[in-house]
Amino acid sequence: MHLLDVLVFGIVEGITEFLPISSTGHLMLTAKLLQINQTEFVKSFEIAIQLGAILAVVVLYWDRLIKGWEIWKRLLIAFAPAALIGALLYKTIKRYLLGNNEVVLWSLFIGGLFLIIFELFHHEKEDAVEELSGVSYSQALIIGLFQSVAMIPGVSRAAATIIGGLFVGLKRKTIVEFSFLLAVPTMLAATALDLFKSAQVFKSEQFVSLGAGFVISFLTAIIAIKFLLAFIKRHSFISFGAYRVIIALVFWFIVK
């Protein structure tokens, strides 16, 4: 990969990781536009640079992560379904789903429609959970089950957890922040697993690309996180759903 490719990938990852539009899907479509083959390294690169985005969460939510044991208990419960399913289906997901543009486009399209429809019928209750520590263990588990669906490229981990959180009765800001924090154990585990299984086949210069992508995604993710927190104060997620549908249709003609 050239430095420009690494720059583009890092920016795309940082912007899309925490928005409900699928970072994995956008990285795969970016690779298609840049005419980069989905080699084992590229697949691992797309996973590994997510650590940069995760570091952005750690930096912005440092106090809560350090002092919030009650929050961590809920995060670990929510993390459990994805951890179990990911460990069991790692080879299948990487071999048959990652790099499959058709799966990504259908996931973006259907997920976009679902997000629009859900928002049109969803009404936040007055007693919706406002504090992260107020999320019950059962609510955390259900959110985790929703998150596990996002192992399908294009679904979006952020979209799945946000819908799951709204479904079980969390306020918008609460589930968005819970989704941010849940990304820490989820993506750390996914990246560690992939690097453990794949790092031995990487060349030394490829680790330089990983490092550069990491830094770029970190910087852009900080901007994206602050944008989303400001956006949800006045808007629903319908615009993200519409964007998913449009981008899927546009790329359908490009890919085909």
C-alpha atoms as a PDB file:
ATOM      1  CA  MET A   1       0.000   0.000   0.000  1.00  0.00           C
ATOM      2  CA  HIS A   2       1.224   3.501  -0.854  1.00  0.00           C
ATOM      3  CA  LEU A   3       1.319   6.289   1.737  1.00  0.00           C
ATOM      4  CA  LEU A   4      -1.641   8.027   0.077  1.00  0.00           C
ATOM      5  CA  ASP A   5      -3.664   4.813   0.360  1.00  0.00           C
ATOM      6  CA  VAL A   6      -2.784   4.572   4.050  1.00  0.00           C
ATOM      7  CA  LEU A   7      -3.829   8.208   4.545  1.00  0.00           C
ATOM      8  CA  VAL A   8      -7.199   7.652   2.865  1.00  0.00           C
ATOM      9  CA  PHE A   9      -7.858   4.438   4.800  1.00  0.00           C
ATOM     10  CA  GLY A  10      -6.982   6.099   8.103  1.00  0.00           C
ATOM     11  CA  ILE A  11      -9.322   9.022   7.465  1.00  0.00           C
ATOM     12  CA  VAL A  12     -12.178   6.764   6.353  1.00  0.00           C
ATOM     13  CA  GLU A  13     -11.749   4.548   9.432  1.00  0.00           C
ATOM     14  CA  GLY A  14     -11.600   7.462  11.848  1.00  0.00           C
ATOM     15  CA  ILE A  15     -14.704   9.102  10.414  1.00  0.00           C
ATOM     16  CA  THR A  16     -16.858   5.995  10.062  1.00  0.00           C
ATOM     17  CA  GLU A  17     -15.984   3.845  13.108  1.00  0.00           C
ATOM     18  CA  PHE A  18     -18.451   5.507  15.461  1.00  0.00           C
ATOM     19  CA  LEU A  19     -21.078   6.670  12.987  1.00  0.00           C
ATOM     20  CA  PRO A  20     -23.878   4.170  12.204  1.00  0.00           C
ATOM     21  CA  ILE A  21     -22.690   3.685   8.616  1.00  0.00           C
ATOM     22  CA  SER A  22     -20.194   0.780   8.902  1.00  0.00           C
ATOM     23  CA  SER A  23     -16.463   1.433   8.983  1.00  0.00           C
ATOM     24  CA  THR A  24     -15.643  -2.052   7.665  1.00  0.00           C
ATOM     25  CA  GLY A  25     -18.017  -1.596   4.753  1.00  0.00           C
ATOM     26  CA  HIS A  26     -16.557   1.795   3.877  1.00  0.00           C
ATOM     27  CA  LEU A  27     -13.002   0.476   4.087  1.00  0.00           C
ATOM     28  CA  MET A  28     -13.859  -2.364   1.712  1.00  0.00           C
ATOM     29  CA  LEU A  29     -15.534   0.000  -0.725  1.00  0.00           C
ATOM     30  CA  THR A  30     -12.572   2.373  -0.432  1.00  0.00           C
ATOM     31  CA  ALA A  31     -10.275  -0.502  -1.369  1.00  0.00           C
ATOM     32  CA  LYS A  32     -12.480  -1.121  -4.386  1.00  0.00           C
ATOM     33  CA  LEU A  33     -12.241   2.522  -5.493  1.00  0.00           C
ATOM     34  CA  LEU A  34      -8.472   2.570  -4.998  1.00  0.00           C
ATOM     35  CA  GLN A  35      -8.211  -0.775  -6.826  1.00  0.00           C
ATOM     36  CA  ILE A  36      -6.500  -2.437  -3.893  1.00  0.00           C
ATOM     37  CA  ASN A  37      -6.953  -6.201  -3.769  1.00  0.00           C
ATOM     38  CA  GLN A  38      -8.393  -7.679  -0.595  1.00  0.00           C
ATOM     39  CA  THR A  39      -5.244  -9.579   0.384  1.00  0.00           C
ATOM     40  CA  GLU A  40      -4.804 -11.052   3.863  1.00  0.00           C
ATOM     41  CA  PHE A  41      -2.700  -8.026   4.815  1.00  0.00           C
ATOM     42  CA  VAL A  42      -5.313  -5.533   3.588  1.00  0.00           C
ATOM     43  CA  LYS A  43      -8.019  -7.364   5.540  1.00  0.00           C
ATOM     44  CA  SER A  44      -5.842  -7.286   8.664  1.00  0.00           C
ATOM     45  CA  PHE A  45      -4.917  -3.637   8.028  1.00  0.00           C
ATOM     46  CA  GLU A  46      -8.603  -2.704   7.910  1.00  0.00           C
ATOM     47  CA  ILE A  47      -9.078  -4.374  11.296  1.00  0.00           C
ATOM     48  CA  ALA A  48      -5.873  -3.134  12.955  1.00  0.00           C
ATOM     49  CA  ILE A  49      -6.260   0.590  12.228  1.00  0.00           C
ATOM     50  CA  GLN A  50      -9.472   0.476  14.233  1.00  0.00           C
ATOM     51  CA  LEU A  51      -7.162   0.604  17.266  1.00  0.00           C
ATOM     52  CA  GLY A  52      -6.473   4.237  16.426  1.00  0.00           C
ATOM     53  CA  ALA A  53     -10.169   5.032  16.628  1.00  0.00           C
ATOM     54  CA  ILE A  54     -10.432   3.066  19.886  1.00  0.00           C
ATOM     55  CA  LEU A  55      -7.584   5.093  21.382  1.00  0.00           C
ATOM     56  CA  ALA A  56      -9.642   8.212  20.681  1.00  0.00           C
ATOM     57  CA  VAL A  57     -12.381   6.825  22.954  1.00  0.00           C
ATOM     58  CA  VAL A  58      -9.847   5.985  25.655  1.00  0.00           C
ATOM     59  CA  VAL A  59      -8.450   9.532  25.542  1.00  0.00           C
ATOM     60  CA  LEU A  60     -11.852  11.249  25.573  1.00  0.00           C
ATOM     61  CA  TYR A  61     -13.423   8.958  28.198  1.00  0.00           C
ATOM     62  CA  TRP A  62     -10.339   8.251  30.298  1.00  0.00           C
ATOM     63  CA  ASP A  63     -11.935   9.152  33.639  1.00  0.00           C
ATOM     64  CA  ARG A  64     -14.979   6.963  33.097  1.00  0.00           C
ATOM     65  CA  LEU A  65     -12.897   4.010  31.942  1.00  0.00           C
ATOM     66  CA  ILE A  66     -10.523   4.259  34.908  1.00  0.00           C
ATOM     67  CA  LYS A  67     -13.065   4.925  37.658  1.00  0.00           C
ATOM     68  CA  GLY A  68     -16.192   3.329  36.244  1.00  0.00           C
ATOM     69  CA  TRP A  69     -16.132  -0.288  37.444  1.00  0.00           C
ATOM     70  CA  GLU A  70     -19.944  -0.383  37.381  1.00  0.00           C
ATOM     71  CA  ILE A  71     -19.816   0.706  33.743  1.00  0.00           C
ATOM     72  CA  TRP A  72     -17.111  -1.870  32.964  1.00  0.00           C
ATOM     73  CA  LYS A  73     -19.279  -4.684  34.314  1.00  0.00           C
ATOM     74  CA  ARG A  74     -22.001  -3.719  31.879  1.00  0.00           C
ATOM     75  CA  LEU A  75     -19.547  -3.333  29.009  1.00  0.00           C
ATOM     76  CA  LEU A  76     -18.107  -6.798  29.602  1.00  0.00           C
ATOM     77  CA  ILE A  77     -21.582  -8.343  29.649  1.00  0.00           C
ATOM     78  CA  ALA A  78     -22.398  -6.584  26.372  1.00  0.00           C
ATOM     79  CA  PHE A  79     -19.054  -7.674  24.936  1.00  0.00           C
ATOM     80  CA  ALA A  80     -19.558 -11.365  25.748  1.00  0.00           C
ATOM     81  CA  PRO A  81     -21.839 -12.376  22.801  1.00  0.00           C
ATOM     82  CA  ALA A  82     -19.523 -10.884  20.173  1.00  0.00           C
ATOM     83  CA  ALA A  83     -16.483 -12.411  21.883  1.00  0.00           C
ATOM     84  CA  LEU A  84     -18.003 -15.885  21.836  1.00  0.00           C
ATOM     85  CA  ILE A  85     -19.369 -15.737  18.301  1.00  0.00           C
ATOM     86  CA  GLY A  86     -16.223 -14.054  16.975  1.00  0.00           C
ATOM     87  CA  ALA A  87     -13.954 -16.715  18.454  1.00  0.00           C
ATOM     88  CA  LEU A  88     -16.068 -19.484  16.951  1.00  0.00           C
ATOM     89  CA  LEU A  89     -16.574 -17.940  13.506  1.00  0.00           C
ATOM     90  CA  TYR A  90     -13.329 -15.972  13.005  1.00  0.00           C
ATOM     91  CA  LYS A  91     -12.062 -18.036  10.044  1.00  0.00           C
ATOM     92  CA  THR A  92     -15.459 -18.148   8.360  1.00  0.00           C
ATOM     93  CA  ILE A  93     -16.015 -14.400   8.700  1.00  0.00           C
ATOM     94  CA  LYS A  94     -12.579 -13.466   7.391  1.00  0.00           C
ATOM     95  CA  ARG A  95     -12.630 -15.971   4.531  1.00  0.00           C
ATOM     96  CA  TYR A  96     -16.163 -15.562   3.221  1.00  0.00           C
ATOM     97  CA  LEU A  97     -17.531 -12.216   4.449  1.00  0.00           C
ATOM     98  CA  LEU A  98     -14.607  -9.777   4.609  1.00  0.00           C
ATOM     99  CA  GLY A  99     -13.868  -8.688   1.072  1.00  0.00           C
ATOM    100  CA  ASN A 100     -17.337  -9.644  -0.177  1.00  0.00           C
ATOM    101  CA  ASN A 101     -18.640  -6.405  -1.682  1.00  0.00           C
ATOM    102  CA  GLU A 102     -22.079  -7.821  -2.374  1.00  0.00           C
ATOM    103  CA  VAL A 103     -22.570  -8.662   1.302  1.00  0.00           C
ATOM    104  CA  VAL A 104     -21.453  -5.138   2.253  1.00  0.00           C
ATOM    105  CA  LEU A 105     -23.811  -3.422  -0.173  1.00  0.00           C
ATOM    106  CA  TRP A 106     -26.828  -5.472   0.863  1.00  0.00           C
ATOM    107  CA  SER A 107     -25.990  -4.874   4.534  1.00  0.00           C
ATOM    108  CA  LEU A 108     -25.647  -1.130   3.989  1.00  0.00           C
ATOM    109  CA  PHE A 109     -28.901  -0.965   2.030  1.00  0.00           C
ATOM    110  CA  ILE A 110     -31.054  -3.142   4.305  1.00  0.00           C
ATOM    111  CA  GLY A 111     -29.496  -1.652   7.441  1.00  0.00           C
ATOM    112  CA  GLY A 112     -30.206   1.852   6.159  1.00  0.00           C
ATOM    113  CA  LEU A 113     -33.853   1.054   5.514  1.00  0.00           C
ATOM    114  CA  PHE A 114     -34.157  -0.583   8.930  1.00  0.00           C
ATOM    115  CA  LEU A 115     -32.607   2.457  10.630  1.00  0.00           C
ATOM    116  CA  ILE A 116     -35.043   4.815   8.894  1.00  0.00           C
ATOM    117  CA  ILE A 117     -38.090   2.681   9.707  1.00  0.00           C
ATOM    118  CA  PHE A 118     -36.993   2.155  13.313  1.00  0.00           C
ATOM    119  CA  GLU A 119     -36.533   5.884  13.870  1.00  0.00           C
ATOM    120  CA  LEU A 120     -39.906   6.715  12.352  1.00  0.00           C
ATOM    121  CA  PHE A 121     -41.670   4.469  14.879  1.00  0.00           C
ATOM    122  CA  HIS A 122     -39.374   4.874  17.891  1.00  0.00           C
ATOM    123  CA  HIS A 123     -40.423   7.281  20.628  1.00  0.00           C
ATOM    124  CA  GLU A 124     -38.150   7.867  23.580  1.00  0.00           C
ATOM    125  CA  LYS A 125     -39.926   7.283  26.894  1.00  0.00           C
ATOM    126  CA  GLU A 126     -39.742   9.765  29.737  1.00  0.00           C
ATOM    127  CA  ASP A 127     -38.136   7.164  31.994  1.00  0.00           C
ATOM    128  CA  ALA A 128     -35.462   6.179  29.441  1.00  0.00           C
ATOM    129  CA  VAL A 129     -32.114   5.350  31.044  1.00  0.00           C
ATOM    130  CA  GLU A 130     -29.944   8.458  31.240  1.00  0.00           C
ATOM    131  CA  GLU A 131     -26.862   7.302  33.168  1.00  0.00           C
ATOM    132  CA  LEU A 132     -24.484   4.624  31.914  1.00  0.00           C
ATOM    133  CA  SER A 133     -24.395   3.083  35.374  1.00  0.00           C
ATOM    134  CA  GLY A 134     -28.176   2.798  35.186  1.00  0.00           C
ATOM    135  CA  VAL A 135     -28.059   0.337  32.288  1.00  0.00           C
ATOM    136  CA  SER A 136     -29.252  -3.010  33.641  1.00  0.00           C
ATOM    137  CA  TYR A 137     -27.330  -6.220  33.045  1.00  0.00           C
ATOM    138  CA  SER A 138     -30.149  -7.599  30.916  1.00  0.00           C
ATOM    139  CA  GLN A 139     -30.176  -4.425  28.805  1.00  0.00           C
ATOM    140  CA  ALA A 140     -26.405  -4.702  28.371  1.00  0.00           C
ATOM    141  CA  LEU A 141     -26.732  -8.317  27.248  1.00  0.00           C
ATOM    142  CA  ILE A 142     -29.393  -7.457  24.671  1.00  0.00           C
ATOM    143  CA  ILE A 143     -27.243  -4.616  23.334  1.00  0.00           C
ATOM    144  CA  GLY A 144     -24.397  -7.120  23.061  1.00  0.00           C
ATOM    145  CA  LEU A 145     -26.570  -9.506  21.070  1.00  0.00           C
ATOM    146  CA  PHE A 146     -27.425  -6.671  18.692  1.00  0.00           C
ATOM    147  CA  GLN A 147     -23.727  -5.856  18.369  1.00  0.00           C
ATOM    148  CA  SER A 148     -22.884  -9.431  17.369  1.00  0.00           C
ATOM    149  CA  VAL A 149     -24.952  -8.996  14.198  1.00  0.00           C
ATOM    150  CA  ALA A 150     -22.385  -6.409  13.102  1.00  0.00           C
ATOM    151  CA  MET A 151     -19.871  -9.170  12.396  1.00  0.00           C
ATOM    152  CA  ILE A 152     -21.520  -9.154   8.987  1.00  0.00           C
ATOM    153  CA  PRO A 153     -19.562  -6.481   7.039  1.00  0.00           C
ATOM    154  CA  GLY A 154     -21.691  -3.444   6.264  1.00  0.00           C
ATOM    155  CA  VAL A 155     -24.107  -3.846   9.177  1.00  0.00           C
ATOM    156  CA  SER A 156     -22.191  -1.358  11.385  1.00  0.00           C
ATOM    157  CA  ARG A 157     -21.309  -2.071  14.993  1.00  0.00           C
ATOM    158  CA  ALA A 158     -22.366   1.458  15.944  1.00  0.00           C
ATOM    159  CA  ALA A 159     -25.754   1.146  14.215  1.00  0.00           C
ATOM    160  CA  ALA A 160     -26.462  -2.260  15.750  1.00  0.00           C
ATOM    161  CA  THR A 161     -25.633  -1.171  19.300  1.00  0.00           C
ATOM    162  CA  ILE A 162     -27.467   2.141  18.972  1.00  0.00           C
ATOM    163  CA  ILE A 163     -30.640   0.447  17.722  1.00  0.00           C
ATOM    164  CA  GLY A 164     -30.293  -2.182  20.444  1.00  0.00           C
ATOM    165  CA  GLY A 165     -29.915   0.488  23.105  1.00  0.00           C
ATOM    166  CA  LEU A 166     -32.871   2.543  21.900  1.00  0.00           C
ATOM    167  CA  PHE A 167     -34.920  -0.656  21.690  1.00  0.00           C
ATOM    168  CA  VAL A 168     -34.307  -1.543  25.360  1.00  0.00           C
ATOM    169  CA  GLY A 169     -35.009   1.989  26.588  1.00  0.00           C
ATOM    170  CA  LEU A 170     -31.840   4.074  26.702  1.00  0.00           C
ATOM    171  CA  LYS A 171     -31.656   7.758  25.861  1.00  0.00           C
ATOM    172  CA  ARG A 172     -29.854   8.657  22.637  1.00  0.00           C
ATOM    173  CA  LYS A 173     -26.810  10.204  24.278  1.00  0.00           C
ATOM    174  CA  THR A 174     -26.567   7.298  26.705  1.00  0.00           C
ATOM    175  CA  ILE A 175     -26.507   4.574  24.079  1.00  0.00           C
ATOM    176  CA  VAL A 176     -24.176   6.548  21.822  1.00  0.00           C
ATOM    177  CA  GLU A 177     -21.668   6.855  24.668  1.00  0.00           C
ATOM    178  CA  PHE A 178     -22.224   3.219  25.648  1.00  0.00           C
ATOM    179  CA  SER A 179     -21.514   2.286  22.019  1.00  0.00           C
ATOM    180  CA  PHE A 180     -18.291   4.319  22.102  1.00  0.00           C
ATOM    181  CA  LEU A 181     -17.104   2.588  25.267  1.00  0.00           C
ATOM    182  CA  LEU A 182     -18.222  -0.874  24.128  1.00  0.00           C
ATOM    183  CA  ALA A 183     -15.967  -0.472  21.114  1.00  0.00           C
ATOM    184  CA  VAL A 184     -12.919  -0.574  23.412  1.00  0.00           C
ATOM    185  CA  PRO A 185     -13.069  -4.244  24.519  1.00  0.00           C
ATOM    186  CA  THR A 186     -14.739  -5.354  21.288  1.00  0.00           C
ATOM    187  CA  MET A 187     -12.233  -3.900  18.845  1.00  0.00           C
ATOM    188  CA  LEU A 188      -9.229  -4.570  21.083  1.00  0.00           C
ATOM    189  CA  ALA A 189     -10.181  -8.243  21.138  1.00  0.00           C
ATOM    190  CA  ALA A 190     -10.896  -8.384  17.384  1.00  0.00           C
ATOM    191  CA  THR A 191      -7.593  -6.710  16.509  1.00  0.00           C
ATOM    192  CA  ALA A 192      -5.551  -8.755  18.972  1.00  0.00           C
ATOM    193  CA  LEU A 193      -7.036 -11.982  17.632  1.00  0.00           C
ATOM    194  CA  ASP A 194      -6.341 -11.034  14.032  1.00  0.00           C
ATOM    195  CA  LEU A 195      -2.783  -9.826  14.638  1.00  0.00           C
ATOM    196  CA  PHE A 196      -2.010 -12.933  16.690  1.00  0.00           C
ATOM    197  CA  LYS A 197      -3.111 -15.134  13.810  1.00  0.00           C
ATOM    198  CA  SER A 198      -1.706 -13.032  10.959  1.00  0.00           C
ATOM    199  CA  ALA A 199       1.254 -10.932  12.182  1.00  0.00           C
ATOM    200  CA  GLN A 200       3.865 -13.572  11.368  1.00  0.00           C
ATOM    201  CA  VAL A 201       3.192 -13.201   7.631  1.00  0.00           C
ATOM    202  CA  PHE A 202       3.558  -9.389   7.604  1.00  0.00           C
ATOM    203  CA  LYS A 203       6.654  -7.723   6.211  1.00  0.00           C
ATOM    204  CA  SER A 204       8.490  -5.051   8.214  1.00  0.00           C
ATOM    205  CA  GLU A 205       7.358  -2.206   5.932  1.00  0.00           C
ATOM    206  CA  GLN A 206       3.755  -3.293   6.398  1.00  0.00           C
ATOM    207  CA  PHE A 207       3.997  -2.566  10.117  1.00  0.00           C
ATOM    208  CA  VAL A 208       4.946   1.005   9.179  1.00  0.00           C
ATOM    209  CA  SER A 209       1.686   1.233   7.210  1.00  0.00           C
ATOM    210  CA  LEU A 210      -0.228  -0.091  10.217  1.00  0.00           C
ATOM    211  CA  GLY A 211       1.355   2.552  12.449  1.00  0.00           C
ATOM    212  CA  ALA A 212       0.597   5.401  10.068  1.00  0.00           C
ATOM    213  CA  GLY A 213      -3.002   4.268   9.626  1.00  0.00           C
ATOM    214  CA  PHE A 214      -3.330   4.014  13.411  1.00  0.00           C
ATOM    215  CA  VAL A 215      -2.276   7.632  13.988  1.00  0.00           C
ATOM    216  CA  ILE A 216      -4.477   9.041  11.235  1.00  0.00           C
ATOM    217  CA  SER A 217      -7.570   7.125  12.353  1.00  0.00           C
ATOM    218  CA  PHE A 218      -6.980   8.296  15.952  1.00  0.00           C
ATOM    219  CA  LEU A 219      -6.982  11.971  14.983  1.00  0.00           C
ATOM    220  CA  THR A 220     -10.025  11.773  12.715  1.00  0.00           C
ATOM    221  CA  ALA A 221     -11.970   9.625  15.195  1.00  0.00           C
ATOM    222  CA  ILE A 222     -11.741  12.344  17.850  1.00  0.00           C
ATOM    223  CA  ILE A 223     -13.422  14.745  15.426  1.00  0.00           C
ATOM    224  CA  ALA A 224     -16.090  12.174  14.495  1.00  0.00           C
ATOM    225  CA  ILE A 225     -16.948  11.412  18.128  1.00  0.00           C
ATOM    226  CA  LYS A 226     -17.430  15.086  18.983  1.00  0.00           C
ATOM    227  CA  PHE A 227     -19.486  15.573  15.814  1.00  0.00           C
ATOM    228  CA  LEU A 228     -21.877  12.714  16.633  1.00  0.00           C
ATOM    229  CA  LEU A 229     -22.430  13.879  20.218  1.00  0.00           C
ATOM    230  CA  ALA A 230     -23.333  17.347  18.941  1.00  0.00           C
ATOM    231  CA  PHE A 231     -25.454  15.963  16.080  1.00  0.00           C
ATOM    232  CA  ILE A 232     -27.760  13.784  18.205  1.00  0.00           C
ATOM    233  CA  LYS A 233     -28.780  16.738  20.381  1.00  0.00           C
ATOM    234  CA  ARG A 234     -31.013  17.984  17.562  1.00  0.00           C
ATOM    235  CA  HIS A 235     -31.321  15.187  15.021  1.00  0.00           C
ATOM    236  CA  SER A 236     -32.390  11.556  14.725  1.00  0.00           C
ATOM    237  CA  PHE A 237     -30.426   8.854  12.886  1.00  0.00           C
ATOM    238  CA  ILE A 238     -32.676   8.977   9.804  1.00  0.00           C
ATOM    239  CA  SER A 239     -30.121  10.925   7.783  1.00  0.00           C
ATOM    240  CA  PHE A 240     -27.539   8.196   8.407  1.00  0.00           C
ATOM    241  CA  GLY A 241     -30.034   5.599   7.211  1.00  0.00           C
ATOM    242  CA  ALA A 242     -30.704   7.597   4.041  1.00  0.00           C
ATOM    243  CA  TYR A 243     -26.950   7.955   3.470  1.00  0.00           C
ATOM    244  CA  ARG A 244     -26.493   4.184   3.771  1.00  0.00           C
ATOM    245  CA  VAL A 245     -29.188   3.515   1.178  1.00  0.00           C
ATOM    246  CA  ILE A 246     -27.759   6.089  -1.249  1.00  0.00           C
ATOM    247  CA  ILE A 247     -24.145   4.953  -0.897  1.00  0.00           C
ATOM    248  CA  ALA A 248     -25.188   1.325  -1.372  1.00  0.00           C
ATOM    249  CA  LEU A 249     -27.039   2.147  -4.591  1.00  0.00           C
ATOM    250  CA  VAL A 250     -24.178   4.281  -5.918  1.00  0.00           C
ATOM    251  CA  PHE A 251     -21.558   1.648  -5.191  1.00  0.00           C
ATOM    252  CA  TRP A 252     -23.777  -1.118  -6.542  1.00  0.00           C
ATOM    253  CA  PHE A 253     -23.307   0.325 -10.034  1.00  0.00           C
ATOM    254  CA  ILE A 254     -19.586   0.933  -9.462  1.00  0.00           C
ATOM    255  CA  VAL A 255     -18.926  -2.573  -8.154  1.00  0.00           C
ATOM    256  CA  LYS A 256     -21.037  -4.181 -10.844  1.00  0.00           C
END
